Protein backbone atom coordinates (compact mmCIF):
# COMPACT_ATOMS: atom_id res chain seq x y z
CA MET A 1 -6.32 18.91 -55.43
CA ALA A 2 -5.40 20.21 -58.87
CA GLN A 3 -5.64 19.93 -62.62
CA VAL A 4 -2.59 18.92 -64.64
CA ASN A 5 -2.19 20.36 -68.13
CA LEU A 6 0.52 19.40 -70.63
CA ARG A 7 0.84 21.82 -73.54
CA ASN A 8 2.95 20.71 -76.50
CA VAL A 9 5.44 19.01 -74.17
CA VAL A 10 8.62 17.78 -75.86
CA LYS A 11 11.56 15.78 -74.54
CA ARG A 12 14.89 15.40 -76.33
CA TYR A 13 18.10 13.68 -75.38
CA GLY A 14 20.54 15.42 -77.68
CA ALA A 15 19.34 14.80 -81.22
CA LEU A 16 16.97 12.02 -80.11
CA GLN A 17 13.38 13.15 -79.50
CA VAL A 18 11.45 10.74 -77.29
CA VAL A 19 8.28 12.74 -76.54
CA HIS A 20 6.68 14.59 -79.44
CA GLY A 21 4.47 17.56 -78.57
CA VAL A 22 2.16 15.90 -76.04
CA ASP A 23 -1.07 17.77 -75.25
CA LEU A 24 -3.12 16.44 -72.33
CA ASN A 25 -5.58 17.94 -69.85
CA ILE A 26 -6.17 16.02 -66.61
CA ASP A 27 -9.09 17.20 -64.50
CA ASP A 28 -9.12 17.71 -60.76
CA ASN A 29 -9.74 14.37 -58.96
CA GLU A 30 -9.37 12.39 -62.20
CA PHE A 31 -7.56 9.05 -62.39
CA VAL A 32 -5.64 9.01 -65.69
CA VAL A 33 -3.48 6.08 -66.78
CA LEU A 34 -0.67 6.41 -69.32
CA VAL A 35 -0.24 3.05 -71.02
CA GLY A 36 1.84 1.73 -73.87
CA PRO A 37 4.70 -0.61 -74.75
CA SER A 38 8.20 -0.20 -73.35
CA GLY A 39 9.95 2.86 -74.77
CA CYS A 40 6.74 4.70 -75.73
CA GLY A 41 7.54 7.74 -73.54
CA LYS A 42 4.99 7.22 -70.76
CA SER A 43 7.47 7.09 -67.85
CA THR A 44 9.44 10.01 -69.29
CA THR A 45 6.21 12.04 -69.45
CA LEU A 46 5.44 11.19 -65.82
CA ARG A 47 8.95 12.13 -64.73
CA MET A 48 8.60 15.49 -66.51
CA ILE A 49 5.39 16.14 -64.56
CA ALA A 50 7.27 15.25 -61.37
CA GLY A 51 10.21 17.49 -62.24
CA LEU A 52 12.65 14.58 -62.30
CA GLU A 53 13.26 15.21 -66.01
CA ALA A 54 13.61 18.67 -67.52
CA ILE A 55 11.31 19.34 -70.45
CA SER A 56 12.79 20.35 -73.80
CA GLY A 57 9.77 22.35 -74.94
CA GLY A 58 6.18 23.24 -74.06
CA GLU A 59 4.53 23.85 -70.68
CA ILE A 60 3.44 21.80 -67.70
CA VAL A 61 0.79 23.41 -65.51
CA ILE A 62 -0.24 22.02 -62.11
CA GLY A 63 -3.20 23.86 -60.65
CA ASP A 64 -2.70 27.45 -61.78
CA ARG A 65 1.13 27.36 -61.82
CA VAL A 66 3.49 26.75 -64.71
CA VAL A 67 5.99 24.39 -63.08
CA ASN A 68 8.58 24.03 -65.88
CA ASP A 69 11.38 25.49 -63.76
CA LEU A 70 10.23 24.36 -60.31
CA PRO A 71 12.14 21.56 -58.57
CA PRO A 72 10.12 18.48 -57.52
CA ARG A 73 9.84 19.54 -53.87
CA HIS A 74 8.04 22.76 -54.85
CA ARG A 75 5.45 21.11 -57.14
CA ASN A 76 3.41 19.59 -54.27
CA ILE A 77 3.32 16.18 -55.88
CA SER A 78 3.97 12.73 -54.41
CA MET A 79 5.42 9.88 -56.44
CA VAL A 80 5.16 6.13 -55.83
CA PHE A 81 7.84 4.03 -57.54
CA GLN A 82 7.86 0.37 -58.50
CA ASN A 83 10.76 -0.42 -56.15
CA TYR A 84 8.98 1.02 -53.04
CA ALA A 85 12.07 3.12 -52.05
CA LEU A 86 11.55 2.46 -48.33
CA TYR A 87 14.25 2.96 -45.70
CA PRO A 88 15.06 -0.59 -44.50
CA HIS A 89 16.34 0.50 -41.07
CA MET A 90 13.17 2.45 -40.23
CA SER A 91 9.85 1.12 -38.97
CA VAL A 92 6.66 1.59 -40.97
CA ARG A 93 5.74 4.53 -38.73
CA GLU A 94 9.13 6.15 -39.26
CA ASN A 95 8.98 5.61 -43.03
CA LEU A 96 5.52 7.17 -43.20
CA GLY A 97 6.50 10.23 -41.21
CA PHE A 98 10.02 10.83 -42.55
CA SER A 99 9.12 13.42 -45.21
CA LEU A 100 7.08 15.39 -42.68
CA LYS A 101 9.99 15.30 -40.22
CA ILE A 102 12.28 16.71 -42.92
CA ALA A 103 9.65 19.41 -43.59
CA LYS A 104 9.93 20.44 -39.88
CA LYS A 105 6.34 19.53 -39.00
CA THR A 106 5.50 19.19 -35.33
CA GLN A 107 5.33 15.74 -33.80
CA ALA A 108 1.58 16.14 -33.30
CA GLU A 109 1.11 16.96 -36.98
CA ILE A 110 3.28 14.01 -38.00
CA ASP A 111 1.41 11.58 -35.73
CA GLN A 112 -1.99 12.73 -36.99
CA ALA A 113 -1.02 12.44 -40.68
CA VAL A 114 0.68 9.06 -40.19
CA ASP A 115 -2.26 7.61 -38.26
CA GLU A 116 -4.72 8.81 -40.93
CA ALA A 117 -2.67 7.23 -43.71
CA ALA A 118 -2.28 3.99 -41.77
CA GLU A 119 -6.04 3.81 -41.23
CA ILE A 120 -6.79 4.42 -44.92
CA LEU A 121 -4.37 1.69 -46.02
CA SER A 122 -5.01 -0.82 -43.18
CA LEU A 123 -1.43 -0.55 -41.93
CA THR A 124 -2.16 0.12 -38.25
CA GLU A 125 -1.07 -3.32 -37.02
CA TYR A 126 2.26 -3.15 -38.89
CA MET A 127 3.48 0.24 -37.65
CA ASP A 128 6.42 -1.11 -35.62
CA ARG A 129 7.67 -3.54 -38.28
CA LYS A 130 10.62 -2.91 -40.59
CA PRO A 131 10.09 -3.21 -44.39
CA GLY A 132 11.97 -6.52 -44.44
CA ALA A 133 9.24 -8.08 -42.30
CA LEU A 134 6.45 -7.08 -44.70
CA SER A 135 5.05 -8.74 -47.82
CA GLY A 136 5.39 -7.07 -51.20
CA GLY A 137 1.81 -5.82 -51.06
CA GLN A 138 2.31 -4.39 -47.57
CA ARG A 139 5.50 -2.62 -48.62
CA GLN A 140 3.65 -1.10 -51.56
CA ARG A 141 0.93 0.14 -49.21
CA VAL A 142 3.62 1.77 -47.05
CA ALA A 143 5.01 3.48 -50.16
CA MET A 144 1.51 4.79 -50.94
CA GLY A 145 1.06 5.88 -47.33
CA ARG A 146 4.28 7.87 -47.48
CA ALA A 147 2.78 9.73 -50.44
CA ILE A 148 -0.58 10.29 -48.69
CA VAL A 149 0.82 11.96 -45.57
CA ARG A 150 2.08 14.91 -47.59
CA HIS A 151 -1.44 15.77 -48.85
CA PRO A 152 -0.14 16.50 -52.36
CA ASP A 153 -2.03 18.15 -55.20
CA VAL A 154 -1.23 15.19 -57.47
CA PHE A 155 -0.22 11.56 -56.95
CA LEU A 156 2.13 10.06 -59.55
CA PHE A 157 2.48 6.27 -59.82
CA ASP A 158 5.29 4.79 -61.93
CA GLU A 159 4.47 1.11 -62.61
CA PRO A 160 3.93 0.47 -58.87
CA LEU A 161 2.70 -3.12 -59.26
CA SER A 162 5.27 -4.52 -61.68
CA ASN A 163 7.27 -6.24 -58.92
CA LEU A 164 4.27 -8.13 -57.51
CA ASP A 165 2.94 -11.54 -58.47
CA ALA A 166 -0.37 -11.88 -60.34
CA LYS A 167 -2.53 -12.40 -57.23
CA LEU A 168 -0.99 -9.44 -55.39
CA ARG A 169 -1.33 -7.21 -58.45
CA THR A 170 -5.06 -7.93 -58.50
CA GLN A 171 -5.35 -7.13 -54.78
CA MET A 172 -3.32 -3.94 -55.07
CA ARG A 173 -5.40 -2.70 -58.01
CA THR A 174 -8.36 -2.82 -55.66
CA GLU A 175 -6.36 -1.02 -52.94
CA ILE A 176 -5.36 1.78 -55.32
CA LYS A 177 -8.95 2.18 -56.56
CA LYS A 178 -10.16 2.43 -52.95
CA LEU A 179 -7.39 4.92 -52.17
CA HIS A 180 -8.56 7.20 -54.97
CA GLN A 181 -12.11 7.10 -53.63
CA LYS A 182 -10.99 7.86 -50.07
CA VAL A 183 -8.56 10.70 -50.66
CA ASN A 184 -10.33 12.34 -53.65
CA SER A 185 -7.03 12.89 -55.40
CA THR A 186 -5.77 13.61 -58.90
CA ILE A 187 -3.77 10.55 -59.96
CA VAL A 188 -1.50 10.06 -62.97
CA TYR A 189 -0.52 6.41 -63.25
CA VAL A 190 1.92 4.74 -65.65
CA THR A 191 1.78 1.08 -66.62
CA HIS A 192 2.53 -1.22 -69.55
CA ASP A 193 -0.30 -3.54 -68.41
CA GLN A 194 -3.53 -2.82 -70.29
CA VAL A 195 -5.56 -4.77 -67.70
CA GLU A 196 -4.36 -2.34 -65.00
CA ALA A 197 -5.24 0.57 -67.28
CA MET A 198 -8.73 -0.75 -68.03
CA THR A 199 -9.61 -1.53 -64.41
CA LEU A 200 -8.19 1.60 -62.75
CA ALA A 201 -8.62 4.53 -65.12
CA ASP A 202 -11.27 7.17 -65.51
CA ARG A 203 -9.48 7.88 -68.79
CA ILE A 204 -6.71 6.00 -70.58
CA VAL A 205 -3.94 7.71 -72.55
CA ILE A 206 -2.45 5.24 -75.05
CA MET A 207 1.06 6.15 -76.18
CA ARG A 208 3.40 4.88 -78.89
CA ASP A 209 6.83 6.21 -79.90
CA GLY A 210 6.39 9.41 -77.89
CA HIS A 211 2.97 10.24 -79.39
CA ILE A 212 -0.52 9.98 -77.94
CA GLU A 213 -2.54 7.56 -80.09
CA GLN A 214 -5.89 7.91 -78.30
CA VAL A 215 -7.43 9.31 -75.11
CA GLY A 216 -10.75 8.06 -73.77
CA THR A 217 -12.59 6.11 -71.13
CA PRO A 218 -11.76 2.40 -70.93
CA LEU A 219 -15.03 1.57 -72.71
CA GLU A 220 -14.42 4.15 -75.47
CA VAL A 221 -10.94 2.92 -76.37
CA PHE A 222 -12.07 -0.73 -76.21
CA GLU A 223 -15.21 -0.31 -78.32
CA ASN A 224 -13.99 2.45 -80.67
CA PRO A 225 -10.22 2.13 -81.18
CA ALA A 226 -8.79 4.99 -83.22
CA ASN A 227 -6.39 2.77 -85.16
CA THR A 228 -5.05 -0.76 -85.47
CA PHE A 229 -2.39 -0.16 -82.80
CA VAL A 230 -5.01 0.69 -80.17
CA ALA A 231 -7.22 -2.16 -81.40
CA THR A 232 -4.52 -4.74 -80.78
CA PHE A 233 -3.05 -3.16 -77.64
CA ILE A 234 -6.30 -2.78 -75.69
CA GLY A 235 -8.28 -5.94 -75.01
CA SER A 236 -7.30 -9.52 -74.26
CA PRO A 237 -7.02 -11.41 -76.48
CA PRO A 238 -6.10 -8.67 -78.99
CA MET A 239 -8.44 -7.81 -81.83
CA ASN A 240 -8.27 -10.03 -84.92
CA LEU A 241 -7.21 -8.10 -88.04
CA LEU A 242 -7.65 -9.29 -91.64
CA ALA A 243 -6.55 -7.42 -94.79
CA GLY A 244 -9.07 -7.13 -97.63
CA ARG A 245 -10.42 -5.09 -100.52
CA VAL A 246 -13.89 -3.60 -100.94
CA SER A 247 -15.79 -5.03 -103.92
CA LYS A 248 -19.38 -3.83 -104.29
CA ASP A 249 -20.92 -4.52 -100.88
CA ARG A 250 -18.37 -7.19 -99.88
CA ILE A 251 -14.91 -7.28 -98.33
CA VAL A 252 -12.81 -9.75 -100.30
CA LEU A 253 -10.16 -11.33 -98.08
CA GLU A 254 -7.19 -13.45 -99.12
CA ASN A 255 -7.93 -16.77 -100.84
CA GLY A 256 -11.15 -15.33 -102.27
CA LEU A 257 -13.14 -15.55 -99.03
CA ASP A 258 -15.47 -12.60 -98.57
CA VAL A 259 -17.84 -11.16 -95.97
CA PRO A 260 -20.38 -8.34 -96.24
CA VAL A 261 -19.25 -4.76 -95.57
CA PRO A 262 -20.59 -4.05 -92.05
CA GLY A 263 -23.61 -1.78 -92.35
CA GLN A 264 -22.14 0.90 -90.10
CA PHE A 265 -19.33 1.38 -92.67
CA SER A 266 -21.38 1.16 -95.87
CA ASP A 267 -21.16 4.93 -96.49
CA LYS A 268 -17.49 5.12 -95.48
CA THR A 269 -16.00 2.74 -98.06
CA HIS A 270 -15.59 2.83 -101.84
CA GLU A 271 -14.99 0.31 -104.60
CA GLY A 272 -11.47 -1.11 -104.62
CA GLN A 273 -10.52 0.38 -101.25
CA GLU A 274 -7.85 -1.50 -99.30
CA VAL A 275 -9.12 -2.05 -95.77
CA ILE A 276 -8.44 -4.04 -92.61
CA LEU A 277 -11.36 -5.86 -91.04
CA GLY A 278 -11.18 -6.03 -87.25
CA PHE A 279 -13.23 -8.05 -84.78
CA ARG A 280 -12.73 -9.36 -81.26
CA ALA A 281 -12.87 -13.00 -80.18
CA ASP A 282 -16.15 -12.24 -78.39
CA ASN A 283 -17.74 -11.43 -81.76
CA LEU A 284 -16.79 -14.69 -83.50
CA MET A 285 -18.54 -17.63 -81.86
CA PRO A 286 -19.57 -21.16 -82.84
CA VAL A 287 -23.21 -21.50 -83.85
CA GLY A 288 -25.15 -23.10 -81.03
CA HIS A 289 -22.45 -22.46 -78.43
CA ALA A 290 -22.82 -18.74 -77.94
CA MET A 291 -25.21 -15.98 -77.00
CA PRO A 292 -27.57 -15.34 -79.93
CA MET A 293 -26.51 -12.35 -82.05
CA GLY A 294 -29.13 -9.69 -82.50
CA GLY A 295 -28.00 -8.09 -85.77
CA ALA A 296 -26.38 -8.79 -89.12
CA SER A 297 -23.91 -11.65 -89.13
CA ALA A 298 -21.83 -13.81 -91.47
CA GLU A 299 -21.45 -17.57 -91.14
CA LEU A 300 -18.04 -19.19 -91.68
CA ASP A 301 -17.16 -22.89 -91.67
CA MET A 302 -13.66 -23.41 -90.20
CA ALA A 303 -11.45 -26.01 -88.54
CA VAL A 304 -10.25 -25.43 -84.97
CA THR A 305 -6.46 -25.70 -84.63
CA LEU A 306 -6.20 -25.21 -80.85
CA SER A 307 -8.50 -24.70 -77.88
CA GLU A 308 -7.80 -23.14 -74.47
CA PRO A 309 -10.46 -24.01 -71.85
CA LEU A 310 -10.93 -21.10 -69.41
CA GLY A 311 -13.75 -22.50 -67.29
CA THR A 312 -16.88 -20.57 -68.22
CA GLU A 313 -15.62 -20.09 -71.77
CA THR A 314 -13.14 -21.60 -74.21
CA LEU A 315 -10.78 -19.65 -76.44
CA LEU A 316 -10.64 -21.23 -79.91
CA PHE A 317 -7.90 -20.73 -82.49
CA THR A 318 -8.84 -21.09 -86.14
CA SER A 319 -7.89 -19.60 -89.50
CA ILE A 320 -9.60 -17.17 -91.87
CA ALA A 321 -8.05 -16.44 -95.28
CA GLY A 322 -4.80 -18.02 -94.16
CA LYS A 323 -4.42 -15.95 -90.98
CA GLU A 324 -4.87 -17.22 -87.43
CA VAL A 325 -7.80 -15.71 -85.57
CA GLN A 326 -9.26 -16.27 -82.12
CA ALA A 327 -12.89 -16.95 -81.26
CA LYS A 328 -14.78 -17.65 -78.05
CA MET A 329 -17.13 -20.46 -77.11
CA LEU A 330 -19.60 -19.92 -74.30
CA ASN A 331 -21.30 -23.01 -72.86
CA PRO A 332 -18.00 -24.76 -73.62
CA ARG A 333 -17.42 -28.41 -74.48
CA PRO A 334 -14.22 -30.25 -75.41
CA VAL A 335 -13.04 -29.39 -78.93
CA ALA A 336 -10.48 -31.56 -80.70
CA PRO A 337 -7.81 -30.08 -83.02
CA GLY A 338 -9.02 -30.30 -86.60
CA GLU A 339 -12.71 -30.33 -85.67
CA ARG A 340 -14.78 -28.22 -88.06
CA LEU A 341 -17.32 -25.82 -86.64
CA SER A 342 -19.69 -23.30 -88.12
CA PHE A 343 -18.85 -19.85 -86.71
CA GLN A 344 -21.01 -16.74 -86.65
CA LEU A 345 -19.32 -13.33 -87.05
CA ASP A 346 -21.28 -10.42 -85.56
CA LEU A 347 -20.95 -7.75 -88.26
CA THR A 348 -22.51 -5.05 -86.06
CA ARG A 349 -19.47 -5.27 -83.75
CA CYS A 350 -16.83 -5.29 -86.51
CA HIS A 351 -14.37 -2.49 -87.23
CA LEU A 352 -12.87 -1.25 -90.50
CA PHE A 353 -9.51 0.48 -90.77
CA ASP A 354 -7.86 2.12 -93.76
CA ALA A 355 -5.03 -0.15 -94.92
CA GLN A 356 -2.63 2.75 -95.58
CA SER A 357 -3.12 5.01 -92.54
CA GLN A 358 -4.23 2.18 -90.20
CA ASN A 359 -6.86 4.61 -88.85
CA SER A 360 -10.44 3.65 -88.15
CA LEU A 361 -12.94 4.49 -90.89
CA ARG A 362 -15.50 5.26 -88.19
């Protein structure tokens, strides 16, 4: 397999620049997910790696070759699309082997590669069926198998699960993870779904408006977001954010409510500084209905406006300084709208962002 290196890659459509100097190094056998909202440039970046879009500036290197001017068929990549792109009149076996037939491989070579791919993806019993007789998940496995038979240096996935229902998406995430383990491949995967990104990736690349906002492991970007965009994009529910001002050792929020400056930020703030306090629902829990917190905390008395029972936990909606926030209740019980509860905020898990730049003060 191969490394993929993007060096100051730019994409313009006339005067409109949609990808702004992207630098990214993807290691051999690494599973990297490009994630971000619609229009952030992630699919355009993938298509430039594939050679389906010409780059406007910079370099793309696959293995030890600069591939800027190489057509897709000479880059030794395989791409899996969201619409499967299967030939409806061909059987599964014929779909899997078609690219090898075009490449003038012998029938023995085609049969061996097709049988190996079918075994990896549990397609053996469907080999004589046409795509129309398959489920969405089975068709997606055929699309992946068609990529596998070519033994590419790099697999490219462009939102391959977006056409599937929620249950099938969960199943196919597992299939794709298993595929990566079996074929030891370099994978670049594009999605707008942060759950897909978190569950599949070795590293996540979070994009916005053609820029890379942060690169890191799923745990790194979840626990240490670089800015408020990453903080609210990664994690479900999104991180709560409250504007405030530093006064002595306190953060004064709207309506005069204040909480202590988290100890991990005490040497990173100054008097009068405008900041944004961030915390996840997991770190704001009702007293007596949560795991005990081991470090510094603040206690807040608030009324619940809405509750969403989720089985083993309940998501609670309340308000701090006039802004809606979400909390979690473990060991859940029914909670009526308007009921007042005492909440504990785990300060050791809080984040502070600069109000002007929106960047983390960490």
